[in-house]
Protein backbone atom coordinates (compact mmCIF):
# COMPACT_ATOMS: atom_id res chain seq x y z
CA UNK A 1 1.13 -107.61 -9.78
CA UNK A 2 1.25 -106.65 -13.64
CA UNK A 3 -0.64 -108.52 -15.89
CA UNK A 4 0.06 -108.52 -19.72
CA UNK A 5 -3.21 -108.71 -21.16
CA UNK A 6 -3.89 -105.70 -23.06
CA UNK A 7 -7.36 -103.88 -21.89
CA UNK A 8 -8.99 -99.82 -22.89
CA UNK A 9 -9.82 -98.43 -20.64
CA UNK A 10 -9.94 -94.37 -19.92
CA UNK A 11 -9.40 -92.32 -16.72
CA UNK A 12 -11.87 -89.30 -15.92
CA UNK A 13 -10.41 -86.21 -14.01
CA UNK A 14 -13.12 -84.73 -12.36
CA UNK A 15 -12.63 -84.06 -8.73
CA UNK A 16 -15.82 -85.86 -7.90
CA UNK A 17 -15.18 -88.75 -9.13
CA UNK A 18 -12.17 -89.78 -7.06
CA UNK A 19 -11.46 -91.69 -4.18
CA UNK A 20 -9.93 -89.62 -1.72
CA UNK A 21 -9.39 -90.64 2.23
CA UNK A 22 -9.16 -87.02 4.03
CA UNK A 23 -8.68 -85.39 0.51
CA UNK A 24 -5.81 -87.57 0.10
CA UNK A 25 -5.53 -89.91 -3.00
CA UNK A 26 -4.95 -93.62 -3.03
CA UNK A 27 -4.94 -93.73 0.04
CA UNK A 28 -1.42 -91.75 0.95
CA UNK A 29 0.64 -94.96 -1.36
CA UNK A 30 2.77 -93.68 -4.19
CA UNK A 31 0.72 -94.47 -7.90
CA UNK A 32 4.15 -94.54 -9.16
CA UNK A 33 5.96 -97.26 -7.53
CA UNK A 34 2.85 -99.85 -8.53
CA UNK A 35 4.96 -99.44 -11.99
CA UNK A 36 7.94 -98.80 -11.19
CA UNK A 37 8.04 -101.12 -8.11
CA UNK A 38 5.71 -103.43 -8.99
CA UNK A 39 4.76 -102.94 -4.96
CA UNK A 40 2.44 -100.97 -3.08
CA UNK A 41 5.00 -98.38 -1.89
CA UNK A 42 3.52 -96.00 1.08
CA UNK A 43 3.94 -92.22 0.06
CA UNK A 44 5.03 -89.14 2.85
CA UNK A 45 3.28 -85.87 2.71
CA UNK A 46 6.84 -84.15 2.40
CA UNK A 47 6.68 -86.19 -1.84
CA UNK A 48 3.65 -84.65 -2.37
CA UNK A 49 1.77 -82.43 -5.37
CA UNK A 50 -1.72 -81.60 -5.80
CA UNK A 51 -4.18 -83.06 -8.73
CA UNK A 52 -7.09 -83.33 -9.76
CA UNK A 53 -8.89 -81.91 -6.76
CA UNK A 54 -6.61 -84.57 -4.51
CA UNK A 55 -3.15 -84.49 -2.55
CA UNK A 56 -0.70 -87.60 -3.97
CA UNK A 57 2.09 -88.64 -2.03
CA UNK A 58 4.87 -90.26 -3.47
CA UNK A 59 7.89 -92.09 -1.89
CA UNK A 60 10.97 -89.94 -3.60
CA UNK A 61 11.59 -86.79 -5.70
CA UNK A 62 11.44 -88.93 -8.69
CA UNK A 63 8.31 -90.51 -8.64
CA UNK A 64 6.17 -87.19 -7.89
CA UNK A 65 7.90 -86.08 -11.28
CA UNK A 66 7.13 -88.58 -13.36
CA UNK A 67 3.32 -87.83 -12.14
CA UNK A 68 3.71 -84.61 -12.13
CA UNK A 69 4.70 -84.39 -16.09
CA UNK A 70 1.90 -87.72 -17.10
CA UNK A 71 -0.36 -88.18 -14.28
CA UNK A 72 -2.89 -89.65 -16.14
CA UNK A 73 -0.18 -92.40 -16.82
CA UNK A 74 -0.32 -93.46 -12.91
CA UNK A 75 -3.62 -92.79 -12.00
CA UNK A 76 -5.78 -95.01 -10.80
CA UNK A 77 -8.40 -96.00 -13.07
CA UNK A 78 -11.78 -95.52 -12.77
CA UNK A 79 -11.09 -92.75 -9.49
CA UNK A 80 -9.09 -95.33 -7.48
CA UNK A 81 -12.56 -96.86 -7.17
CA UNK A 82 -12.26 -100.06 -7.09
CA UNK A 83 -13.18 -101.90 -10.73
CA UNK A 84 -14.60 -104.55 -9.23
CA UNK A 85 -17.61 -102.58 -7.87
CA UNK A 86 -17.35 -100.82 -11.00
CA UNK A 87 -17.28 -103.76 -13.42
CA UNK A 88 -20.85 -104.35 -11.73
CA UNK A 89 -22.19 -100.44 -11.30
CA UNK A 90 -21.24 -99.28 -7.97
CA UNK A 91 -18.16 -96.79 -6.71
CA UNK A 92 -16.85 -99.18 -2.78
CA UNK A 93 -14.07 -97.71 -1.92
CA UNK A 94 -10.68 -100.02 -2.41
CA UNK A 95 -7.02 -101.16 -0.27
CA UNK A 96 -3.97 -99.97 -2.54
CA UNK A 97 -2.10 -103.25 -0.89
CA UNK A 98 -5.40 -105.09 -3.46
CA UNK A 99 -3.86 -103.54 -7.26
CA UNK A 100 -3.06 -104.73 -10.51
CA UNK A 101 -1.97 -103.58 -13.40
CA UNK A 102 -3.54 -104.74 -16.79
CA UNK A 103 -2.23 -103.27 -20.30
CA UNK A 104 -0.71 -100.43 -18.77
CA UNK A 105 -2.78 -99.35 -16.37
CA UNK A 106 -3.46 -100.22 -12.12
CA UNK A 107 -6.57 -101.06 -11.26
CA UNK A 108 -7.11 -101.01 -7.77
CA UNK A 109 -9.88 -102.89 -6.14
CA UNK A 110 -12.02 -103.67 -1.77
CA UNK A 111 -9.79 -106.01 -0.69
CA UNK A 112 -7.13 -108.64 -1.63
CA UNK A 113 -10.55 -111.47 -1.07
CA UNK A 114 -12.41 -108.76 -4.21
CA UNK A 115 -8.57 -108.61 -6.05
CA UNK A 116 -9.02 -112.87 -6.32
CA UNK A 117 -12.82 -112.87 -7.80
CA UNK A 118 -11.78 -109.36 -10.75
CA UNK A 119 -8.19 -111.41 -11.75
CA UNK A 120 -9.76 -114.44 -13.93
CA UNK A 121 -11.84 -111.67 -15.99
CA UNK A 122 -10.12 -108.43 -16.06
CA UNK A 123 -10.71 -108.40 -19.49
CA UNK A 124 -14.37 -108.49 -19.52
CA UNK A 125 -14.77 -106.54 -16.02
CA UNK A 126 -12.59 -103.88 -17.30
CA UNK A 127 -15.05 -104.17 -20.50
CA UNK A 128 -17.83 -103.77 -18.18
CA UNK A 129 -16.43 -100.82 -16.22
CA UNK A 130 -15.64 -98.54 -18.41
CA UNK A 131 -19.92 -99.01 -19.55
CA UNK A 132 -20.33 -98.51 -15.88
CA UNK A 133 -18.31 -95.37 -15.07
CA UNK A 134 -19.56 -93.17 -17.61
CA UNK A 135 -23.04 -93.54 -15.17
CA UNK A 136 -21.28 -93.60 -12.23
CA UNK A 137 -19.79 -89.87 -12.85
CA UNK A 138 -23.40 -88.74 -13.62
CA UNK A 139 -24.16 -90.06 -9.67
């Protein structure tokens, strides 16, 4: 789901603060597809690359190449941890099917139910998560 609201957020490219499962980012989903196809799409091991201390999978060579050219544009905020959780001061895993794009940035949530809680006030939650994220990366 793409939301047209502009909000400031940043990316911390710190290997210790990237949410991964079995060293794979975004649970094996294609980070670029959220932007290009506006849906969650599983990636393939045949279309992978290493970045930020993790393996990223893509559904096409084109998406892999787009990510490689500008990973910070496509990588999820808060290292792929739950944006709602970050806005409340903690790290939580994410469901790659629970996502939004706000201000041209990808945000993942713990679940679709949590996403529904996140959506009504994304601008304020992003500001809060940005503040907490700096301390969360020091844990």
